[in-house]
Amino acid sequence: MTQNMSPARKAMIDSQLRTSGVNQEFVLARMAAVAREEYVPEAAKAMAYMDRAIPLGGGRFLASPLVHGVMLAEAAPKPDDRVLVVEGGTSYLADLARPLVERLDSVSASDASSTNRKRKTYSLILIDGAIEELPDSLAKQLEDGGRIVAGLVLRGVTRLAIGRKIAGSVTLQPLAEIGIPVLHEFDRPKAWSF
């Protein structure tokens, strides 16, 4: 028997998103429409709306509802946006954003960090996880003036970060500390230091 998760979804919106300042109607509508329980293993369905990351197996996680709500709010997708979503283990973030934009492509973190794939350019890139560094191959896919929203790992702490590509360069600016699952495909190469 399938459990009705609508009350849990409404509670997530009222007690996690709204109380944390995520009140944009388009964010709340999308998060009410997309069933998080469909993106987690069967054993984790009852936890899908809890305020924490849900383990998916293989070192992957579905980020907490607040992470996705804040990312979507900061991205502020527009109807003419061409979006690339770098998935953190599920297509949840892509499914939240897809009806809000002109075109949306999604790619796994391992494919996004690879230099051997065909490249398009995008007006918005969403990375569903925290990265230590943005590879040049991914930055090149952002058109000049384009926006990026991602998690950023700084000194072991994850933060939400936004950026824009200006004159061919992308700079990520951290906004706030928030627990975002780390995508190790984007770890900085280890180097010796004092």
N, C-alpha and C. Protein backbone atom coordinates (compact mmCIF):
# COMPACT_ATOMS: atom_id res chain seq x y z
N MET A 1 0.83 -1.18 0.00
CA MET A 1 0.00 0.00 0.00
C MET A 1 0.88 1.25 0.00
N THR A 2 0.61 2.19 -0.88
CA THR A 2 1.37 3.42 -0.98
C THR A 2 0.88 4.42 0.06
N GLN A 3 1.82 4.98 0.80
CA GLN A 3 1.49 5.94 1.84
C GLN A 3 1.32 7.32 1.21
N ASN A 4 0.30 8.07 1.65
CA ASN A 4 0.07 9.43 1.18
C ASN A 4 1.06 10.36 1.88
N MET A 5 1.98 10.93 1.10
CA MET A 5 3.02 11.79 1.67
C MET A 5 2.68 13.28 1.55
N SER A 6 1.48 13.60 1.07
CA SER A 6 1.09 15.01 0.91
C SER A 6 1.16 15.80 2.21
N PRO A 7 0.70 15.24 3.35
CA PRO A 7 0.82 16.00 4.60
C PRO A 7 2.29 16.27 4.97
N ALA A 8 3.17 15.30 4.73
CA ALA A 8 4.59 15.50 5.03
C ALA A 8 5.19 16.58 4.12
N ARG A 9 4.77 16.59 2.85
CA ARG A 9 5.25 17.60 1.90
C ARG A 9 4.80 18.99 2.36
N LYS A 10 3.54 19.12 2.77
CA LYS A 10 3.03 20.41 3.25
C LYS A 10 3.76 20.85 4.52
N ALA A 11 4.01 19.90 5.42
CA ALA A 11 4.74 20.22 6.66
C ALA A 11 6.17 20.68 6.34
N MET A 12 6.81 20.05 5.34
CA MET A 12 8.15 20.46 4.94
C MET A 12 8.13 21.93 4.47
N ILE A 13 7.15 22.27 3.67
CA ILE A 13 7.05 23.64 3.16
C ILE A 13 6.81 24.63 4.29
N ASP A 14 5.87 24.31 5.18
CA ASP A 14 5.51 25.23 6.26
C ASP A 14 6.56 25.32 7.36
N SER A 15 7.18 24.19 7.73
CA SER A 15 8.08 24.21 8.90
C SER A 15 9.56 24.30 8.55
N GLN A 16 9.94 23.97 7.31
CA GLN A 16 11.35 24.06 6.95
C GLN A 16 11.63 25.23 6.00
N LEU A 17 10.87 25.30 4.92
CA LEU A 17 11.15 26.33 3.92
C LEU A 17 10.69 27.72 4.37
N ARG A 18 9.41 27.85 4.69
CA ARG A 18 8.88 29.17 5.06
C ARG A 18 9.58 29.75 6.28
N THR A 19 9.85 28.93 7.29
CA THR A 19 10.48 29.43 8.52
C THR A 19 11.95 29.81 8.30
N SER A 20 12.54 29.34 7.19
CA SER A 20 13.93 29.68 6.87
C SER A 20 14.02 30.79 5.84
N GLY A 21 12.88 31.41 5.50
CA GLY A 21 12.89 32.53 4.59
C GLY A 21 12.73 32.18 3.12
N VAL A 22 12.45 30.91 2.82
CA VAL A 22 12.19 30.51 1.43
C VAL A 22 10.69 30.63 1.22
N ASN A 23 10.27 31.77 0.69
CA ASN A 23 8.84 32.06 0.53
C ASN A 23 8.46 32.41 -0.90
N GLN A 24 9.38 32.26 -1.84
CA GLN A 24 9.06 32.56 -3.24
C GLN A 24 8.02 31.55 -3.71
N GLU A 25 6.93 32.06 -4.26
CA GLU A 25 5.82 31.19 -4.66
C GLU A 25 6.22 30.12 -5.66
N PHE A 26 7.10 30.47 -6.62
CA PHE A 26 7.49 29.47 -7.61
C PHE A 26 8.26 28.32 -6.97
N VAL A 27 9.06 28.61 -5.94
CA VAL A 27 9.80 27.56 -5.23
C VAL A 27 8.83 26.67 -4.46
N LEU A 28 7.94 27.28 -3.71
CA LEU A 28 6.99 26.52 -2.90
C LEU A 28 6.08 25.67 -3.79
N ALA A 29 5.66 26.22 -4.92
CA ALA A 29 4.79 25.47 -5.83
C ALA A 29 5.50 24.26 -6.42
N ARG A 30 6.76 24.44 -6.81
CA ARG A 30 7.50 23.32 -7.39
C ARG A 30 7.79 22.26 -6.33
N MET A 31 8.13 22.68 -5.12
CA MET A 31 8.45 21.70 -4.08
C MET A 31 7.19 21.00 -3.59
N ALA A 32 6.03 21.64 -3.74
CA ALA A 32 4.76 20.97 -3.42
C ALA A 32 4.38 19.97 -4.51
N ALA A 33 4.81 20.23 -5.74
CA ALA A 33 4.41 19.41 -6.88
C ALA A 33 5.28 18.16 -7.08
N VAL A 34 6.53 18.21 -6.65
CA VAL A 34 7.47 17.12 -6.92
C VAL A 34 7.62 16.26 -5.66
N ALA A 35 7.30 14.99 -5.79
CA ALA A 35 7.31 14.05 -4.66
C ALA A 35 8.73 13.57 -4.35
N ARG A 36 9.35 14.11 -3.29
CA ARG A 36 10.71 13.72 -2.91
C ARG A 36 10.85 12.23 -2.65
N GLU A 37 9.77 11.62 -2.16
CA GLU A 37 9.86 10.18 -1.83
C GLU A 37 10.14 9.32 -3.06
N GLU A 38 9.90 9.85 -4.24
CA GLU A 38 10.16 9.09 -5.48
C GLU A 38 11.66 9.07 -5.83
N TYR A 39 12.47 9.83 -5.11
CA TYR A 39 13.90 9.97 -5.43
C TYR A 39 14.82 9.30 -4.41
N VAL A 40 14.25 8.55 -3.48
CA VAL A 40 15.05 7.88 -2.45
C VAL A 40 14.75 6.38 -2.47
N PRO A 41 15.65 5.58 -1.90
CA PRO A 41 15.38 4.14 -1.82
C PRO A 41 14.11 3.85 -1.02
N GLU A 42 13.51 2.72 -1.28
CA GLU A 42 12.25 2.32 -0.61
C GLU A 42 12.34 2.46 0.91
N ALA A 43 13.45 2.02 1.49
CA ALA A 43 13.60 2.06 2.95
C ALA A 43 13.68 3.48 3.50
N ALA A 44 13.94 4.46 2.65
CA ALA A 44 14.10 5.85 3.11
C ALA A 44 12.89 6.71 2.80
N LYS A 45 11.86 6.18 2.19
CA LYS A 45 10.71 6.98 1.77
C LYS A 45 10.08 7.74 2.94
N ALA A 46 9.98 7.12 4.10
CA ALA A 46 9.37 7.78 5.26
C ALA A 46 10.20 8.97 5.75
N MET A 47 11.49 9.02 5.38
CA MET A 47 12.38 10.12 5.80
C MET A 47 12.53 11.20 4.74
N ALA A 48 11.86 11.07 3.60
CA ALA A 48 12.09 11.95 2.45
C ALA A 48 11.90 13.42 2.76
N TYR A 49 11.06 13.76 3.73
CA TYR A 49 10.76 15.17 4.01
C TYR A 49 11.42 15.67 5.28
N MET A 50 12.28 14.85 5.89
CA MET A 50 13.00 15.30 7.08
C MET A 50 14.04 16.34 6.68
N ASP A 51 14.40 17.17 7.62
CA ASP A 51 15.35 18.25 7.38
C ASP A 51 16.79 17.74 7.48
N ARG A 52 17.14 16.84 6.55
CA ARG A 52 18.50 16.32 6.49
C ARG A 52 18.70 15.63 5.15
N ALA A 53 19.95 15.39 4.80
CA ALA A 53 20.27 14.67 3.57
C ALA A 53 19.92 13.20 3.75
N ILE A 54 19.45 12.58 2.67
CA ILE A 54 19.05 11.18 2.70
C ILE A 54 20.08 10.36 1.93
N PRO A 55 20.69 9.36 2.58
CA PRO A 55 21.66 8.51 1.86
C PRO A 55 20.98 7.72 0.75
N LEU A 56 21.63 7.71 -0.42
CA LEU A 56 21.10 6.99 -1.57
C LEU A 56 21.90 5.72 -1.85
N GLY A 57 23.06 5.59 -1.21
CA GLY A 57 23.97 4.49 -1.48
C GLY A 57 25.08 4.96 -2.40
N GLY A 58 26.19 4.25 -2.38
CA GLY A 58 27.31 4.60 -3.24
C GLY A 58 27.91 5.97 -2.96
N GLY A 59 27.77 6.46 -1.73
CA GLY A 59 28.33 7.76 -1.37
C GLY A 59 27.52 8.96 -1.86
N ARG A 60 26.33 8.72 -2.37
CA ARG A 60 25.47 9.79 -2.87
C ARG A 60 24.36 10.09 -1.87
N PHE A 61 23.84 11.33 -1.94
CA PHE A 61 22.80 11.78 -1.02
C PHE A 61 21.80 12.65 -1.77
N LEU A 62 20.55 12.62 -1.32
CA LEU A 62 19.57 13.63 -1.71
C LEU A 62 19.68 14.71 -0.65
N ALA A 63 20.06 15.92 -1.06
CA ALA A 63 20.23 17.02 -0.11
C ALA A 63 18.92 17.30 0.62
N SER A 64 19.01 17.99 1.74
CA SER A 64 17.82 18.33 2.52
C SER A 64 16.89 19.22 1.70
N PRO A 65 15.60 19.23 2.04
CA PRO A 65 14.66 20.10 1.32
C PRO A 65 15.08 21.57 1.33
N LEU A 66 15.63 22.03 2.45
CA LEU A 66 16.03 23.43 2.54
C LEU A 66 17.13 23.76 1.52
N VAL A 67 18.08 22.86 1.33
CA VAL A 67 19.15 23.09 0.35
C VAL A 67 18.55 23.30 -1.03
N HIS A 68 17.64 22.41 -1.43
CA HIS A 68 17.05 22.54 -2.76
C HIS A 68 16.17 23.78 -2.87
N GLY A 69 15.45 24.11 -1.82
CA GLY A 69 14.62 25.31 -1.84
C GLY A 69 15.45 26.57 -1.99
N VAL A 70 16.53 26.67 -1.22
CA VAL A 70 17.40 27.85 -1.29
C VAL A 70 18.11 27.91 -2.64
N MET A 71 18.57 26.76 -3.14
CA MET A 71 19.24 26.76 -4.46
C MET A 71 18.30 27.27 -5.55
N LEU A 72 17.08 26.77 -5.54
CA LEU A 72 16.11 27.17 -6.56
C LEU A 72 15.78 28.66 -6.43
N ALA A 73 15.63 29.13 -5.19
CA ALA A 73 15.34 30.56 -4.97
C ALA A 73 16.49 31.43 -5.45
N GLU A 74 17.72 31.07 -5.15
CA GLU A 74 18.88 31.86 -5.58
C GLU A 74 19.07 31.81 -7.09
N ALA A 75 18.74 30.66 -7.70
CA ALA A 75 18.87 30.53 -9.16
C ALA A 75 17.87 31.40 -9.89
N ALA A 76 16.69 31.56 -9.31
CA ALA A 76 15.60 32.35 -9.92
C ALA A 76 15.49 32.06 -11.42
N PRO A 77 15.20 30.80 -11.78
CA PRO A 77 15.15 30.43 -13.21
C PRO A 77 14.12 31.28 -13.96
N LYS A 78 14.48 31.62 -15.20
CA LYS A 78 13.61 32.43 -16.06
C LYS A 78 13.12 31.57 -17.23
N PRO A 79 11.98 31.92 -17.80
CA PRO A 79 11.41 31.12 -18.88
C PRO A 79 12.32 30.95 -20.09
N ASP A 80 13.26 31.88 -20.31
CA ASP A 80 14.15 31.75 -21.46
C ASP A 80 15.51 31.15 -21.10
N ASP A 81 15.69 30.69 -19.86
CA ASP A 81 16.96 30.08 -19.46
C ASP A 81 17.17 28.73 -20.12
N ARG A 82 18.42 28.50 -20.49
CA ARG A 82 18.90 27.18 -20.92
C ARG A 82 19.77 26.69 -19.77
N VAL A 83 19.36 25.59 -19.14
CA VAL A 83 19.92 25.18 -17.86
C VAL A 83 20.64 23.85 -17.96
N LEU A 84 21.77 23.76 -17.28
CA LEU A 84 22.47 22.49 -17.07
C LEU A 84 22.41 22.20 -15.58
N VAL A 85 21.91 21.01 -15.24
CA VAL A 85 21.92 20.56 -13.85
C VAL A 85 22.94 19.45 -13.73
N VAL A 86 23.90 19.64 -12.84
CA VAL A 86 24.86 18.59 -12.49
C VAL A 86 24.25 17.85 -11.31
N GLU A 87 23.86 16.61 -11.55
CA GLU A 87 23.11 15.84 -10.55
C GLU A 87 24.02 15.32 -9.45
N GLY A 88 23.47 15.32 -8.24
CA GLY A 88 24.19 14.82 -7.09
C GLY A 88 23.82 13.40 -6.72
N GLY A 89 23.02 12.73 -7.51
CA GLY A 89 22.62 11.36 -7.21
C GLY A 89 21.20 11.07 -7.64
N THR A 90 20.40 12.12 -7.86
CA THR A 90 19.03 11.96 -8.35
C THR A 90 18.74 13.09 -9.33
N SER A 91 17.60 13.00 -9.98
CA SER A 91 17.18 14.07 -10.89
C SER A 91 16.19 15.03 -10.20
N TYR A 92 16.14 15.01 -8.87
CA TYR A 92 15.17 15.83 -8.13
C TYR A 92 15.30 17.32 -8.46
N LEU A 93 16.51 17.88 -8.38
CA LEU A 93 16.68 19.31 -8.65
C LEU A 93 16.31 19.63 -10.09
N ALA A 94 16.69 18.77 -11.02
CA ALA A 94 16.33 18.98 -12.43
C ALA A 94 14.81 18.97 -12.59
N ASP A 95 14.13 18.06 -11.93
CA ASP A 95 12.67 17.98 -12.04
C ASP A 95 11.98 19.18 -11.39
N LEU A 96 12.60 19.76 -10.36
CA LEU A 96 12.05 21.00 -9.79
C LEU A 96 12.14 22.14 -10.79
N ALA A 97 13.26 22.26 -11.48
CA ALA A 97 13.52 23.41 -12.34
C ALA A 97 12.94 23.27 -13.76
N ARG A 98 12.80 22.07 -14.26
CA ARG A 98 12.47 21.83 -15.67
C ARG A 98 11.27 22.65 -16.19
N PRO A 99 10.12 22.69 -15.50
CA PRO A 99 8.97 23.43 -16.06
C PRO A 99 9.14 24.95 -16.02
N LEU A 100 10.17 25.44 -15.35
CA LEU A 100 10.36 26.87 -15.18
C LEU A 100 11.22 27.49 -16.27
N VAL A 101 11.85 26.65 -17.12
CA VAL A 101 12.85 27.14 -18.06
C VAL A 101 12.56 26.67 -19.49
N GLU A 102 13.27 27.28 -20.44
CA GLU A 102 13.10 26.91 -21.85
C GLU A 102 13.62 25.52 -22.14
N ARG A 103 14.83 25.22 -21.67
CA ARG A 103 15.46 23.92 -21.92
C ARG A 103 16.29 23.54 -20.72
N LEU A 104 16.30 22.26 -20.39
CA LEU A 104 17.10 21.78 -19.27
C LEU A 104 17.75 20.47 -19.67
N ASP A 105 19.06 20.41 -19.49
CA ASP A 105 19.83 19.19 -19.67
C ASP A 105 20.39 18.82 -18.31
N SER A 106 20.53 17.53 -18.06
CA SER A 106 21.15 17.12 -16.80
C SER A 106 22.26 16.13 -17.12
N VAL A 107 23.23 16.11 -16.22
CA VAL A 107 24.41 15.27 -16.40
C VAL A 107 24.87 14.83 -15.01
N SER A 108 25.43 13.64 -14.93
CA SER A 108 25.96 13.17 -13.65
C SER A 108 27.21 13.96 -13.29
N ALA A 109 27.58 13.94 -12.01
CA ALA A 109 28.77 14.65 -11.57
C ALA A 109 30.02 14.09 -12.25
N SER A 110 30.09 12.79 -12.43
CA SER A 110 31.27 12.22 -13.08
C SER A 110 31.35 12.64 -14.54
N ASP A 111 30.23 12.69 -15.23
CA ASP A 111 30.24 13.15 -16.63
C ASP A 111 30.56 14.65 -16.71
N ALA A 112 30.06 15.43 -15.78
CA ALA A 112 30.31 16.88 -15.79
C ALA A 112 31.78 17.18 -15.56
N SER A 113 32.47 16.36 -14.77
CA SER A 113 33.87 16.61 -14.49
C SER A 113 34.79 16.05 -15.57
N SER A 114 34.22 15.29 -16.50
CA SER A 114 35.00 14.70 -17.59
C SER A 114 35.27 15.76 -18.66
N THR A 115 36.39 15.64 -19.32
CA THR A 115 36.72 16.56 -20.41
C THR A 115 36.38 15.96 -21.77
N ASN A 116 35.79 14.77 -21.78
CA ASN A 116 35.53 14.06 -23.03
C ASN A 116 34.09 14.09 -23.48
N ARG A 117 33.33 15.10 -23.14
CA ARG A 117 31.95 15.13 -23.58
C ARG A 117 31.66 16.34 -24.46
N LYS A 118 30.65 16.19 -25.27
CA LYS A 118 30.22 17.29 -26.15
C LYS A 118 29.67 18.42 -25.29
N ARG A 119 30.01 19.64 -25.63
CA ARG A 119 29.64 20.79 -24.79
C ARG A 119 28.63 21.70 -25.48
N LYS A 120 27.64 22.11 -24.71
CA LYS A 120 26.72 23.17 -25.13
C LYS A 120 26.97 24.33 -24.18
N THR A 121 26.37 25.47 -24.45
CA THR A 121 26.48 26.58 -23.50
C THR A 121 25.11 26.82 -22.87
N TYR A 122 25.15 27.32 -21.64
CA TYR A 122 23.96 27.48 -20.83
C TYR A 122 23.95 28.86 -20.17
N SER A 123 22.74 29.34 -19.91
CA SER A 123 22.60 30.62 -19.20
C SER A 123 22.58 30.42 -17.68
N LEU A 124 22.36 29.16 -17.25
CA LEU A 124 22.30 28.86 -15.82
C LEU A 124 22.82 27.44 -15.61
N ILE A 125 23.73 27.29 -14.65
CA ILE A 125 24.21 25.96 -14.24
C ILE A 125 23.87 25.79 -12.77
N LEU A 126 23.22 24.66 -12.45
CA LEU A 126 22.92 24.29 -11.07
C LEU A 126 23.72 23.04 -10.74
N ILE A 127 24.50 23.09 -9.69
CA ILE A 127 25.28 21.92 -9.25
C ILE A 127 24.66 21.43 -7.96
N ASP A 128 24.10 20.23 -8.00
CA ASP A 128 23.37 19.66 -6.87
C ASP A 128 24.33 18.99 -5.90
N GLY A 129 25.18 19.81 -5.29
CA GLY A 129 26.15 19.32 -4.32
C GLY A 129 27.22 20.37 -4.11
N ALA A 130 28.14 20.08 -3.19
CA ALA A 130 29.22 21.01 -2.87
C ALA A 130 30.49 20.58 -3.58
N ILE A 131 31.19 21.56 -4.14
CA ILE A 131 32.42 21.31 -4.89
C ILE A 131 33.57 22.07 -4.25
N GLU A 132 34.79 21.54 -4.40
CA GLU A 132 35.96 22.30 -3.94
C GLU A 132 36.43 23.27 -5.01
N GLU A 133 36.31 22.85 -6.28
CA GLU A 133 36.68 23.74 -7.37
C GLU A 133 35.83 23.46 -8.59
N LEU A 134 35.62 24.50 -9.36
CA LEU A 134 34.85 24.41 -10.60
C LEU A 134 35.82 24.14 -11.74
N PRO A 135 35.70 22.99 -12.41
CA PRO A 135 36.65 22.71 -13.51
C PRO A 135 36.42 23.66 -14.68
N ASP A 136 37.50 23.98 -15.38
CA ASP A 136 37.42 24.86 -16.54
C ASP A 136 36.44 24.33 -17.57
N SER A 137 36.41 23.01 -17.74
CA SER A 137 35.53 22.42 -18.75
C SER A 137 34.06 22.73 -18.47
N LEU A 138 33.69 22.81 -17.19
CA LEU A 138 32.31 23.15 -16.82
C LEU A 138 32.09 24.66 -16.90
N ALA A 139 33.07 25.44 -16.48
CA ALA A 139 32.96 26.90 -16.54
C ALA A 139 32.80 27.37 -17.99
N LYS A 140 33.44 26.68 -18.93
CA LYS A 140 33.34 27.05 -20.35
C LYS A 140 31.93 26.85 -20.89
N GLN A 141 31.13 26.03 -20.23
CA GLN A 141 29.77 25.80 -20.68
C GLN A 141 28.80 26.89 -20.26
N LEU A 142 29.24 27.79 -19.39
CA LEU A 142 28.41 28.90 -18.95
C LEU A 142 28.65 30.07 -19.89
N GLU A 143 27.58 30.58 -20.48
CA GLU A 143 27.73 31.71 -21.40
C GLU A 143 28.09 32.96 -20.62
N ASP A 144 28.69 33.92 -21.31
CA ASP A 144 29.06 35.17 -20.65
C ASP A 144 27.80 35.84 -20.11
N GLY A 145 27.82 36.24 -18.87
CA GLY A 145 26.65 36.80 -18.19
C GLY A 145 25.80 35.74 -17.52
N GLY A 146 26.12 34.46 -17.76
CA GLY A 146 25.36 33.36 -17.19
C GLY A 146 25.58 33.23 -15.69
N ARG A 147 24.64 32.54 -15.04
CA ARG A 147 24.65 32.38 -13.58
C ARG A 147 24.93 30.93 -13.21
N ILE A 148 25.50 30.76 -12.01
CA ILE A 148 25.75 29.43 -11.48
C ILE A 148 25.38 29.42 -10.00
N VAL A 149 24.75 28.33 -9.57
CA VAL A 149 24.42 28.13 -8.15
C VAL A 149 24.94 26.75 -7.78
N ALA A 150 25.69 26.69 -6.69
CA ALA A 150 26.32 25.43 -6.28
C ALA A 150 26.61 25.47 -4.79
N GLY A 151 26.97 24.32 -4.27
CA GLY A 151 27.57 24.27 -2.95
C GLY A 151 29.07 24.46 -3.14
N LEU A 152 29.72 25.01 -2.16
CA LEU A 152 31.16 25.25 -2.22
C LEU A 152 31.77 24.79 -0.91
N VAL A 153 32.84 24.00 -1.01
CA VAL A 153 33.55 23.52 0.18
C VAL A 153 34.73 24.46 0.43
N LEU A 154 34.71 25.14 1.57
CA LEU A 154 35.80 26.03 1.96
C LEU A 154 36.29 25.63 3.34
N ARG A 155 37.54 25.21 3.41
CA ARG A 155 38.15 24.76 4.68
C ARG A 155 37.27 23.74 5.40
N GLY A 156 36.71 22.80 4.62
CA GLY A 156 35.94 21.71 5.19
C GLY A 156 34.48 22.04 5.51
N VAL A 157 34.05 23.27 5.27
CA VAL A 157 32.67 23.68 5.56
C VAL A 157 31.96 23.94 4.23
N THR A 158 30.72 23.42 4.12
CA THR A 158 29.97 23.64 2.89
C THR A 158 29.11 24.89 3.02
N ARG A 159 29.09 25.63 1.92
CA ARG A 159 28.33 26.87 1.85
C ARG A 159 27.58 26.91 0.53
N LEU A 160 26.45 27.58 0.51
CA LEU A 160 25.77 27.85 -0.73
C LEU A 160 26.54 28.98 -1.40
N ALA A 161 26.74 28.87 -2.73
CA ALA A 161 27.48 29.90 -3.45
C ALA A 161 26.77 30.21 -4.76
N ILE A 162 26.89 31.46 -5.17
CA ILE A 162 26.36 31.88 -6.47
C ILE A 162 27.49 32.55 -7.24
N GLY A 163 27.34 32.56 -8.53
CA GLY A 163 28.37 33.19 -9.35
C GLY A 163 27.80 33.63 -10.67
N ARG A 164 28.62 34.34 -11.40
CA ARG A 164 28.25 34.83 -12.73
C ARG A 164 29.53 34.80 -13.57
N LYS A 165 29.37 34.53 -14.86
CA LYS A 165 30.52 34.55 -15.75
C LYS A 165 30.63 35.94 -16.37
N ILE A 166 31.77 36.58 -16.11
CA ILE A 166 32.00 37.93 -16.61
C ILE A 166 33.37 37.94 -17.28
N ALA A 167 33.40 38.41 -18.51
CA ALA A 167 34.64 38.49 -19.30
C ALA A 167 35.36 37.15 -19.33
N GLY A 168 34.59 36.06 -19.45
CA GLY A 168 35.17 34.73 -19.58
C GLY A 168 35.59 34.07 -18.28
N SER A 169 35.37 34.72 -17.16
CA SER A 169 35.80 34.17 -15.86
C SER A 169 34.60 33.98 -14.93
N VAL A 170 34.59 32.84 -14.23
CA VAL A 170 33.52 32.54 -13.28
C VAL A 170 34.09 32.62 -11.86
N THR A 171 33.43 33.39 -11.03
CA THR A 171 33.81 33.48 -9.62
C THR A 171 32.60 33.09 -8.78
N LEU A 172 32.81 32.16 -7.86
CA LEU A 172 31.74 31.75 -6.93
C LEU A 172 31.89 32.53 -5.63
N GLN A 173 30.79 33.15 -5.20
CA GLN A 173 30.76 33.90 -3.95
C GLN A 173 29.94 33.14 -2.93
N PRO A 174 30.56 32.73 -1.81
CA PRO A 174 29.79 32.02 -0.78
C PRO A 174 28.77 32.94 -0.13
N LEU A 175 27.56 32.39 0.12
CA LEU A 175 26.49 33.17 0.74
C LEU A 175 26.28 32.79 2.20
N ALA A 176 26.06 31.49 2.43
CA ALA A 176 25.73 31.06 3.79
C ALA A 176 26.14 29.62 4.00
N GLU A 177 26.56 29.32 5.23
CA GLU A 177 26.87 27.93 5.58
C GLU A 177 25.59 27.12 5.58
N ILE A 178 25.64 25.98 4.92
CA ILE A 178 24.49 25.08 4.88
C ILE A 178 25.03 23.70 4.55
N GLY A 179 24.47 22.68 5.16
CA GLY A 179 24.94 21.31 4.95
C GLY A 179 24.56 20.78 3.59
N ILE A 180 25.51 20.78 2.66
CA ILE A 180 25.28 20.30 1.30
C ILE A 180 26.16 19.08 1.07
N PRO A 181 25.60 17.98 0.59
CA PRO A 181 26.44 16.81 0.30
C PRO A 181 27.56 17.17 -0.70
N VAL A 182 28.74 16.63 -0.45
CA VAL A 182 29.93 16.94 -1.27
C VAL A 182 29.97 16.01 -2.49
N LEU A 183 30.30 16.60 -3.64
CA LEU A 183 30.53 15.85 -4.87
C LEU A 183 32.04 15.72 -5.04
N HIS A 184 32.58 14.54 -4.74
CA HIS A 184 34.03 14.36 -4.72
C HIS A 184 34.67 14.39 -6.10
N GLU A 185 33.86 14.32 -7.16
CA GLU A 185 34.42 14.46 -8.50
C GLU A 185 35.03 15.84 -8.72
N PHE A 186 34.65 16.79 -7.87
CA PHE A 186 35.14 18.17 -8.00
C PHE A 186 36.10 18.54 -6.87
N ASP A 187 36.71 17.52 -6.24
CA ASP A 187 37.71 17.79 -5.21
C ASP A 187 38.95 18.42 -5.85
N ARG A 188 39.57 19.32 -5.12
CA ARG A 188 40.83 19.92 -5.57
C ARG A 188 41.91 18.86 -5.47
N PRO A 189 42.78 18.77 -6.47
CA PRO A 189 43.89 17.80 -6.37
C PRO A 189 44.70 18.04 -5.11
N LYS A 190 45.05 16.96 -4.45
CA LYS A 190 45.82 17.08 -3.20
C LYS A 190 47.23 17.57 -3.51
N ALA A 191 47.70 18.51 -2.70
CA ALA A 191 49.04 19.05 -2.87
C ALA A 191 49.68 19.17 -1.50
N TRP A 192 50.98 19.11 -1.48
CA TRP A 192 51.72 19.23 -0.23
C TRP A 192 51.76 20.71 0.18
N SER A 193 51.61 20.97 1.47
CA SER A 193 51.74 22.34 1.96
C SER A 193 52.29 22.31 3.37
N PHE A 194 52.72 23.47 3.86
CA PHE A 194 53.26 23.58 5.23
C PHE A 194 52.15 23.50 6.23
